[in-house]
């Protein structure tokens, strides 16, 4: 039985002038479950998927600040992915 490594991490990302905590859980090499919340405490769950050589955010009823922060989220994922590669 092949061993599947569970990867989960939390990162603070500045989007729209505010630091937000993002929780990532890797489902496969090209898919993460992500959650974060806004200033009112409302939690948003979405997916980050590697499509066409870039990370894309997808989910239902996401606020504009999340869509606008897609590039920052993608850059963070690329940076974190480097730490998972064996040396």
PDB file of N, CA and C in Angstrom:
ATOM      1  N   UNK A   1       0.843  -1.178   0.000  1.00  0.00           N
ATOM      2  CA  UNK A   1       0.000   0.000   0.000  1.00  0.00           C
ATOM      3  C   UNK A   1       0.891   1.246   0.000  1.00  0.00           C
ATOM      4  N   UNK A   2       0.716   2.151  -0.970  1.00  0.00           N
ATOM      5  CA  UNK A   2       1.563   3.339  -1.032  1.00  0.00           C
ATOM      6  C   UNK A   2       1.233   4.301   0.108  1.00  0.00           C
ATOM      7  N   UNK A   3       2.260   4.958   0.568  1.00  0.00           N
ATOM      8  CA  UNK A   3       2.126   5.932   1.644  1.00  0.00           C
ATOM      9  C   UNK A   3       1.761   7.291   1.047  1.00  0.00           C
ATOM     10  N   UNK A   4       0.688   7.889   1.533  1.00  0.00           N
ATOM     11  CA  UNK A   4       0.282   9.224   1.108  1.00  0.00           C
ATOM     12  C   UNK A   4       0.550  10.191   2.249  1.00  0.00           C
ATOM     13  N   UNK A   5       1.356  11.165   1.977  1.00  0.00           N
ATOM     14  CA  UNK A   5       1.741  12.138   2.988  1.00  0.00           C
ATOM     15  C   UNK A   5       0.638  13.191   3.157  1.00  0.00           C
ATOM     16  N   UNK A   6       0.196  13.387   4.395  1.00  0.00           N
ATOM     17  CA  UNK A   6      -0.809  14.408   4.689  1.00  0.00           C
ATOM     18  C   UNK A   6      -0.095  15.739   4.901  1.00  0.00           C
ATOM     19  N   UNK A   7      -0.429  16.719   4.106  1.00  0.00           N
ATOM     20  CA  UNK A   7       0.211  18.026   4.203  1.00  0.00           C
ATOM     21  C   UNK A   7      -0.859  19.062   4.503  1.00  0.00           C
ATOM     22  N   UNK A   8      -0.656  19.772   5.594  1.00  0.00           N
ATOM     23  CA  UNK A   8      -1.554  20.864   5.980  1.00  0.00           C
ATOM     24  C   UNK A   8      -0.694  21.970   6.579  1.00  0.00           C
ATOM     25  N   UNK A   9      -1.042  23.202   6.289  1.00  0.00           N
ATOM     26  CA  UNK A   9      -0.278  24.321   6.829  1.00  0.00           C
ATOM     27  C   UNK A   9      -1.160  25.562   6.889  1.00  0.00           C
ATOM     28  N   UNK A  10      -0.734  26.501   7.711  1.00  0.00           N
ATOM     29  CA  UNK A  10      -1.428  27.773   7.883  1.00  0.00           C
ATOM     30  C   UNK A  10      -0.458  28.891   7.541  1.00  0.00           C
ATOM     31  N   UNK A  11      -0.933  29.868   6.787  1.00  0.00           N
ATOM     32  CA  UNK A  11      -0.095  30.981   6.355  1.00  0.00           C
ATOM     33  C   UNK A  11      -0.874  32.279   6.532  1.00  0.00           C
ATOM     34  N   UNK A  12      -0.179  33.320   6.989  1.00  0.00           N
ATOM     35  CA  UNK A  12      -0.773  34.657   7.025  1.00  0.00           C
ATOM     36  C   UNK A  12      -0.477  35.336   5.696  1.00  0.00           C
ATOM     37  N   UNK A  13      -1.526  35.813   5.040  1.00  0.00           N
ATOM     38  CA  UNK A  13      -1.392  36.470   3.742  1.00  0.00           C
ATOM     39  C   UNK A  13      -2.069  37.834   3.835  1.00  0.00           C
ATOM     40  N   UNK A  14      -1.371  38.860   3.342  1.00  0.00           N
ATOM     41  CA  UNK A  14      -1.955  40.198   3.346  1.00  0.00           C
ATOM     42  C   UNK A  14      -2.732  40.407   2.051  1.00  0.00           C
ATOM     43  N   UNK A  15      -4.031  40.531   2.187  1.00  0.00           N
ATOM     44  CA  UNK A  15      -4.923  40.767   1.047  1.00  0.00           C
ATOM     45  C   UNK A  15      -5.824  41.945   1.389  1.00  0.00           C
ATOM     46  N   UNK A  16      -5.940  42.860   0.449  1.00  0.00           N
ATOM     47  CA  UNK A  16      -6.821  44.009   0.626  1.00  0.00           C
ATOM     48  C   UNK A  16      -6.429  44.841   1.850  1.00  0.00           C
ATOM     49  N   UNK A  17      -5.121  44.910   2.114  1.00  0.00           N
ATOM     50  CA  UNK A  17      -4.614  45.720   3.212  1.00  0.00           C
ATOM     51  C   UNK A  17      -4.721  45.099   4.588  1.00  0.00           C
ATOM     52  N   UNK A  18      -5.144  43.839   4.680  1.00  0.00           N
ATOM     53  CA  UNK A  18      -5.300  43.177   5.981  1.00  0.00           C
ATOM     54  C   UNK A  18      -4.668  41.796   5.964  1.00  0.00           C
ATOM     55  N   UNK A  19      -4.067  41.430   7.095  1.00  0.00           N
ATOM     56  CA  UNK A  19      -3.520  40.082   7.236  1.00  0.00           C
ATOM     57  C   UNK A  19      -4.654  39.105   7.493  1.00  0.00           C
ATOM     58  N   UNK A  20      -4.647  38.042   6.734  1.00  0.00           N
ATOM     59  CA  UNK A  20      -5.682  37.013   6.895  1.00  0.00           C
ATOM     60  C   UNK A  20      -4.997  35.669   7.055  1.00  0.00           C
ATOM     61  N   UNK A  21      -5.582  34.826   7.895  1.00  0.00           N
ATOM     62  CA  UNK A  21      -5.058  33.484   8.112  1.00  0.00           C
ATOM     63  C   UNK A  21      -5.716  32.525   7.125  1.00  0.00           C
ATOM     64  N   UNK A  22      -4.892  31.825   6.359  1.00  0.00           N
ATOM     65  CA  UNK A  22      -5.371  30.835   5.397  1.00  0.00           C
ATOM     66  C   UNK A  22      -4.895  29.458   5.829  1.00  0.00           C
ATOM     67  N   UNK A  23      -5.812  28.511   5.868  1.00  0.00           N
ATOM     68  CA  UNK A  23      -5.502  27.120   6.209  1.00  0.00           C
ATOM     69  C   UNK A  23      -5.590  26.290   4.938  1.00  0.00           C
ATOM     70  N   UNK A  24      -4.522  25.563   4.641  1.00  0.00           N
ATOM     71  CA  UNK A  24      -4.436  24.759   3.424  1.00  0.00           C
ATOM     72  C   UNK A  24      -4.331  23.288   3.792  1.00  0.00           C
ATOM     73  N   UNK A  25      -5.009  22.434   3.045  1.00  0.00           N
ATOM     74  CA  UNK A  25      -4.872  20.979   3.185  1.00  0.00           C
ATOM     75  C   UNK A  25      -4.751  20.389   1.796  1.00  0.00           C
ATOM     76  N   UNK A  26      -3.648  19.709   1.591  1.00  0.00           N
ATOM     77  CA  UNK A  26      -3.364  19.136   0.269  1.00  0.00           C
ATOM     78  C   UNK A  26      -4.170  17.861   0.060  1.00  0.00           C
ATOM     79  N   UNK A  27      -4.936  17.813  -1.036  1.00  0.00           N
ATOM     80  CA  UNK A  27      -5.722  16.630  -1.399  1.00  0.00           C
ATOM     81  C   UNK A  27      -4.992  15.787  -2.436  1.00  0.00           C
ATOM     82  N   UNK A  28      -4.288  16.459  -3.331  1.00  0.00           N
ATOM     83  CA  UNK A  28      -3.466  15.787  -4.340  1.00  0.00           C
ATOM     84  C   UNK A  28      -2.397  16.790  -4.761  1.00  0.00           C
ATOM     85  N   UNK A  29      -1.538  16.394  -5.674  1.00  0.00           N
ATOM     86  CA  UNK A  29      -0.468  17.299  -6.088  1.00  0.00           C
ATOM     87  C   UNK A  29      -1.004  18.546  -6.789  1.00  0.00           C
ATOM     88  N   UNK A  30      -2.257  18.516  -7.212  1.00  0.00           N
ATOM     89  CA  UNK A  30      -2.813  19.667  -7.926  1.00  0.00           C
ATOM     90  C   UNK A  30      -4.082  20.233  -7.285  1.00  0.00           C
ATOM     91  N   UNK A  31      -4.365  19.862  -6.030  1.00  0.00           N
ATOM     92  CA  UNK A  31      -5.600  20.331  -5.395  1.00  0.00           C
ATOM     93  C   UNK A  31      -5.417  20.536  -3.892  1.00  0.00           C
ATOM     94  N   UNK A  32      -5.853  21.697  -3.413  1.00  0.00           N
ATOM     95  CA  UNK A  32      -5.869  22.014  -1.988  1.00  0.00           C
ATOM     96  C   UNK A  32      -7.272  22.436  -1.577  1.00  0.00           C
ATOM     97  N   UNK A  33      -7.663  22.054  -0.370  1.00  0.00           N
ATOM     98  CA  UNK A  33      -8.829  22.640   0.279  1.00  0.00           C
ATOM     99  C   UNK A  33      -8.295  23.811   1.093  1.00  0.00           C
ATOM    100  N   UNK A  34      -8.968  24.954   1.016  1.00  0.00           N
ATOM    101  CA  UNK A  34      -8.500  26.159   1.699  1.00  0.00           C
ATOM    102  C   UNK A  34      -9.670  26.771   2.454  1.00  0.00           C
ATOM    103  N   UNK A  35      -9.363  27.342   3.622  1.00  0.00           N
ATOM    104  CA  UNK A  35     -10.390  28.116   4.314  1.00  0.00           C
ATOM    105  C   UNK A  35      -9.763  29.339   4.955  1.00  0.00           C
ATOM    106  N   UNK A  36     -10.578  30.369   5.082  1.00  0.00           N
ATOM    107  CA  UNK A  36     -10.173  31.614   5.712  1.00  0.00           C
ATOM    108  C   UNK A  36     -11.440  32.304   6.207  1.00  0.00           C
ATOM    109  N   UNK A  37     -11.282  33.403   6.929  1.00  0.00           N
ATOM    110  CA  UNK A  37     -12.472  34.137   7.365  1.00  0.00           C
ATOM    111  C   UNK A  37     -12.278  35.627   7.145  1.00  0.00           C
ATOM    112  N   UNK A  38     -13.382  36.358   7.196  1.00  0.00           N
ATOM    113  CA  UNK A  38     -13.319  37.802   7.024  1.00  0.00           C
ATOM    114  C   UNK A  38     -13.353  38.490   8.385  1.00  0.00           C
ATOM    115  N   UNK A  39     -13.439  39.805   8.377  1.00  0.00           N
ATOM    116  CA  UNK A  39     -13.406  40.590   9.618  1.00  0.00           C
ATOM    117  C   UNK A  39     -14.587  40.301  10.536  1.00  0.00           C
ATOM    118  N   UNK A  40     -15.702  39.861   9.971  1.00  0.00           N
ATOM    119  CA  UNK A  40     -16.896  39.561  10.773  1.00  0.00           C
ATOM    120  C   UNK A  40     -16.909  38.124  11.281  1.00  0.00           C
ATOM    121  N   UNK A  41     -15.882  37.354  10.913  1.00  0.00           N
ATOM    122  CA  UNK A  41     -15.802  35.971  11.365  1.00  0.00           C
ATOM    123  C   UNK A  41     -16.478  34.974  10.446  1.00  0.00           C
ATOM    124  N   UNK A  42     -16.982  35.449   9.315  1.00  0.00           N
ATOM    125  CA  UNK A  42     -17.615  34.537   8.364  1.00  0.00           C
ATOM    126  C   UNK A  42     -16.531  33.731   7.655  1.00  0.00           C
ATOM    127  N   UNK A  43     -16.665  32.416   7.692  1.00  0.00           N
ATOM    128  CA  UNK A  43     -15.644  31.520   7.136  1.00  0.00           C
ATOM    129  C   UNK A  43     -15.972  31.173   5.693  1.00  0.00           C
ATOM    130  N   UNK A  44     -14.932  31.162   4.873  1.00  0.00           N
ATOM    131  CA  UNK A  44     -15.061  30.823   3.452  1.00  0.00           C
ATOM    132  C   UNK A  44     -14.234  29.582   3.153  1.00  0.00           C
ATOM    133  N   UNK A  45     -14.844  28.632   2.486  1.00  0.00           N
ATOM    134  CA  UNK A  45     -14.183  27.398   2.077  1.00  0.00           C
ATOM    135  C   UNK A  45     -14.111  27.392   0.555  1.00  0.00           C
ATOM    136  N   UNK A  46     -12.947  27.072   0.041  1.00  0.00           N
ATOM    137  CA  UNK A  46     -12.787  27.029  -1.409  1.00  0.00           C
ATOM    138  C   UNK A  46     -11.660  26.077  -1.780  1.00  0.00           C
ATOM    139  N   UNK A  47     -11.475  25.889  -3.067  1.00  0.00           N
ATOM    140  CA  UNK A  47     -10.437  25.007  -3.596  1.00  0.00           C
ATOM    141  C   UNK A  47      -9.394  25.846  -4.317  1.00  0.00           C
ATOM    142  N   UNK A  48      -8.162  25.385  -4.248  1.00  0.00           N
ATOM    143  CA  UNK A  48      -7.084  25.928  -5.071  1.00  0.00           C
ATOM    144  C   UNK A  48      -6.609  24.768  -5.929  1.00  0.00           C
ATOM    145  N   UNK A  49      -6.732  24.936  -7.236  1.00  0.00           N
ATOM    146  CA  UNK A  49      -6.419  23.843  -8.157  1.00  0.00           C
ATOM    147  C   UNK A  49      -5.389  24.304  -9.180  1.00  0.00           C
ATOM    148  N   UNK A  50      -4.423  23.432  -9.452  1.00  0.00           N
ATOM    149  CA  UNK A  50      -3.381  23.735 -10.432  1.00  0.00           C
ATOM    150  C   UNK A  50      -3.890  23.373 -11.818  1.00  0.00           C
ATOM    151  N   UNK A  51      -4.225  24.398 -12.596  1.00  0.00           N
ATOM    152  CA  UNK A  51      -4.768  24.220 -13.944  1.00  0.00           C
ATOM    153  C   UNK A  51      -3.991  25.085 -14.926  1.00  0.00           C
ATOM    154  N   UNK A  52      -3.629  24.519 -16.054  1.00  0.00           N
ATOM    155  CA  UNK A  52      -2.975  25.281 -17.125  1.00  0.00           C
ATOM    156  C   UNK A  52      -1.752  26.045 -16.613  1.00  0.00           C
ATOM    157  N   UNK A  53      -0.918  25.362 -15.850  1.00  0.00           N
ATOM    158  CA  UNK A  53       0.354  25.910 -15.339  1.00  0.00           C
ATOM    159  C   UNK A  53       0.193  27.070 -14.359  1.00  0.00           C
ATOM    160  N   UNK A  54      -0.932  27.112 -13.648  1.00  0.00           N
ATOM    161  CA  UNK A  54      -1.087  28.134 -12.596  1.00  0.00           C
ATOM    162  C   UNK A  54      -2.109  27.661 -11.575  1.00  0.00           C
ATOM    163  N   UNK A  55      -2.032  28.229 -10.375  1.00  0.00           N
ATOM    164  CA  UNK A  55      -3.002  27.924  -9.328  1.00  0.00           C
ATOM    165  C   UNK A  55      -4.220  28.811  -9.520  1.00  0.00           C
ATOM    166  N   UNK A  56      -5.401  28.221  -9.462  1.00  0.00           N
ATOM    167  CA  UNK A  56      -6.656  28.954  -9.619  1.00  0.00           C
ATOM    168  C   UNK A  56      -7.546  28.685  -8.408  1.00  0.00           C
ATOM    169  N   UNK A  57      -8.229  29.718  -7.949  1.00  0.00           N
ATOM    170  CA  UNK A  57      -9.140  29.629  -6.809  1.00  0.00           C
ATOM    171  C   UNK A  57     -10.549  29.428  -7.338  1.00  0.00           C
ATOM    172  N   UNK A  58     -11.282  28.475  -6.748  1.00  0.00           N
ATOM    173  CA  UNK A  58     -12.668  28.264  -7.165  1.00  0.00           C
ATOM    174  C   UNK A  58     -13.527  27.925  -5.959  1.00  0.00           C
ATOM    175  N   UNK A  59     -14.735  28.429  -5.972  1.00  0.00           N
ATOM    176  CA  UNK A  59     -15.672  28.167  -4.893  1.00  0.00           C
ATOM    177  C   UNK A  59     -16.945  28.959  -5.116  1.00  0.00           C
ATOM    178  N   UNK A  60     -17.960  28.598  -4.378  1.00  0.00           N
ATOM    179  CA  UNK A  60     -19.254  29.267  -4.509  1.00  0.00           C
ATOM    180  C   UNK A  60     -19.310  30.496  -3.608  1.00  0.00           C
ATOM    181  N   UNK A  61     -19.840  31.570  -4.139  1.00  0.00           N
ATOM    182  CA  UNK A  61     -20.102  32.802  -3.376  1.00  0.00           C
ATOM    183  C   UNK A  61     -18.867  33.345  -2.670  1.00  0.00           C
ATOM    184  N   UNK A  62     -17.739  33.389  -3.363  1.00  0.00           N
ATOM    185  CA  UNK A  62     -16.532  33.958  -2.769  1.00  0.00           C
ATOM    186  C   UNK A  62     -16.583  35.479  -2.858  1.00  0.00           C
ATOM    187  N   UNK A  63     -16.128  36.165  -1.807  1.00  0.00           N
ATOM    188  CA  UNK A  63     -16.126  37.629  -1.853  1.00  0.00           C
ATOM    189  C   UNK A  63     -15.082  38.140  -2.854  1.00  0.00           C
ATOM    190  N   UNK A  64     -15.248  39.373  -3.275  1.00  0.00           N
ATOM    191  CA  UNK A  64     -14.357  39.962  -4.280  1.00  0.00           C
ATOM    192  C   UNK A  64     -12.909  39.993  -3.804  1.00  0.00           C
ATOM    193  N   UNK A  65     -12.669  40.251  -2.508  1.00  0.00           N
ATOM    194  CA  UNK A  65     -11.290  40.338  -2.031  1.00  0.00           C
ATOM    195  C   UNK A  65     -10.553  39.013  -2.182  1.00  0.00           C
ATOM    196  N   UNK A  66     -11.269  37.888  -2.126  1.00  0.00           N
ATOM    197  CA  UNK A  66     -10.628  36.588  -2.336  1.00  0.00           C
ATOM    198  C   UNK A  66     -10.269  36.394  -3.800  1.00  0.00           C
ATOM    199  N   UNK A  67     -11.153  36.750  -4.682  1.00  0.00           N
ATOM    200  CA  UNK A  67     -10.869  36.635  -6.115  1.00  0.00           C
ATOM    201  C   UNK A  67      -9.731  37.564  -6.516  1.00  0.00           C
ATOM    202  N   UNK A  68      -9.706  38.755  -5.951  1.00  0.00           N
ATOM    203  CA  UNK A  68      -8.652  39.714  -6.257  1.00  0.00           C
ATOM    204  C   UNK A  68      -7.302  39.260  -5.708  1.00  0.00           C
ATOM    205  N   UNK A  69      -7.312  38.460  -4.662  1.00  0.00           N
ATOM    206  CA  UNK A  69      -6.080  37.965  -4.048  1.00  0.00           C
ATOM    207  C   UNK A  69      -5.592  36.645  -4.614  1.00  0.00           C
ATOM    208  N   UNK A  70      -6.176  36.195  -5.718  1.00  0.00           N
ATOM    209  CA  UNK A  70      -5.824  34.886  -6.285  1.00  0.00           C
ATOM    210  C   UNK A  70      -4.331  34.781  -6.602  1.00  0.00           C
ATOM    211  N   UNK A  71      -3.726  35.824  -7.158  1.00  0.00           N
ATOM    212  CA  UNK A  71      -2.298  35.794  -7.501  1.00  0.00           C
ATOM    213  C   UNK A  71      -1.447  35.645  -6.252  1.00  0.00           C
ATOM    214  N   UNK A  72      -1.789  36.332  -5.192  1.00  0.00           N
ATOM    215  CA  UNK A  72      -1.036  36.243  -3.935  1.00  0.00           C
ATOM    216  C   UNK A  72      -1.164  34.839  -3.352  1.00  0.00           C
ATOM    217  N   UNK A  73      -2.353  34.271  -3.385  1.00  0.00           N
ATOM    218  CA  UNK A  73      -2.574  32.901  -2.896  1.00  0.00           C
ATOM    219  C   UNK A  73      -1.768  31.921  -3.742  1.00  0.00           C
ATOM    220  N   UNK A  74      -1.775  32.113  -5.062  1.00  0.00           N
ATOM    221  CA  UNK A  74      -1.018  31.238  -5.965  1.00  0.00           C
ATOM    222  C   UNK A  74       0.479  31.320  -5.681  1.00  0.00           C
ATOM    223  N   UNK A  75       0.996  32.526  -5.486  1.00  0.00           N
ATOM    224  CA  UNK A  75       2.421  32.689  -5.179  1.00  0.00           C
ATOM    225  C   UNK A  75       2.781  32.008  -3.864  1.00  0.00           C
ATOM    226  N   UNK A  76       1.900  32.109  -2.881  1.00  0.00           N
ATOM    227  CA  UNK A  76       2.126  31.455  -1.592  1.00  0.00           C
ATOM    228  C   UNK A  76       2.166  29.942  -1.757  1.00  0.00           C
ATOM    229  N   UNK A  77       1.252  29.394  -2.532  1.00  0.00           N
ATOM    230  CA  UNK A  77       1.245  27.947  -2.772  1.00  0.00           C
ATOM    231  C   UNK A  77       2.515  27.491  -3.481  1.00  0.00           C
ATOM    232  N   UNK A  78       2.961  28.231  -4.475  1.00  0.00           N
ATOM    233  CA  UNK A  78       4.199  27.874  -5.173  1.00  0.00           C
ATOM    234  C   UNK A  78       5.384  27.874  -4.215  1.00  0.00           C
ATOM    235  N   UNK A  79       5.435  28.867  -3.345  1.00  0.00           N
ATOM    236  CA  UNK A  79       6.513  28.954  -2.357  1.00  0.00           C
ATOM    237  C   UNK A  79       6.459  27.781  -1.379  1.00  0.00           C
ATOM    238  N   UNK A  80       5.274  27.457  -0.890  1.00  0.00           N
ATOM    239  CA  UNK A  80       5.123  26.345   0.053  1.00  0.00           C
ATOM    240  C   UNK A  80       5.418  25.003  -0.606  1.00  0.00           C
ATOM    241  N   UNK A  81       5.029  24.843  -1.866  1.00  0.00           N
ATOM    242  CA  UNK A  81       5.263  23.587  -2.582  1.00  0.00           C
ATOM    243  C   UNK A  81       6.757  23.261  -2.653  1.00  0.00           C
ATOM    244  N   UNK A  82       7.599  24.278  -2.734  1.00  0.00           N
ATOM    245  CA  UNK A  82       9.050  24.058  -2.788  1.00  0.00           C
ATOM    246  C   UNK A  82       9.549  23.356  -1.532  1.00  0.00           C
ATOM    247  N   UNK A  83       8.916  23.633  -0.399  1.00  0.00           N
ATOM    248  CA  UNK A  83       9.378  23.038   0.861  1.00  0.00           C
ATOM    249  C   UNK A  83       8.984  21.574   0.983  1.00  0.00           C
ATOM    250  N   UNK A  84       8.042  21.099   0.170  1.00  0.00           N
ATOM    251  CA  UNK A  84       7.596  19.706   0.242  1.00  0.00           C
ATOM    252  C   UNK A  84       8.417  18.782  -0.639  1.00  0.00           C
ATOM    253  N   UNK A  85       9.204  19.351  -1.551  1.00  0.00           N
ATOM    254  CA  UNK A  85       9.981  18.531  -2.472  1.00  0.00           C
ATOM    255  C   UNK A  85      11.183  17.939  -1.747  1.00  0.00           C
ATOM    256  N   UNK A  86      11.443  16.639  -1.945  1.00  0.00           N
ATOM    257  CA  UNK A  86      12.617  16.040  -1.309  1.00  0.00           C
ATOM    258  C   UNK A  86      13.897  16.657  -1.853  1.00  0.00           C
ATOM    259  N   UNK A  87      14.876  16.792  -0.985  1.00  0.00           N
ATOM    260  CA  UNK A  87      16.147  17.421  -1.374  1.00  0.00           C
ATOM    261  C   UNK A  87      16.985  16.516  -2.238  1.00  0.00           C
TER     262      UNK A  87
END
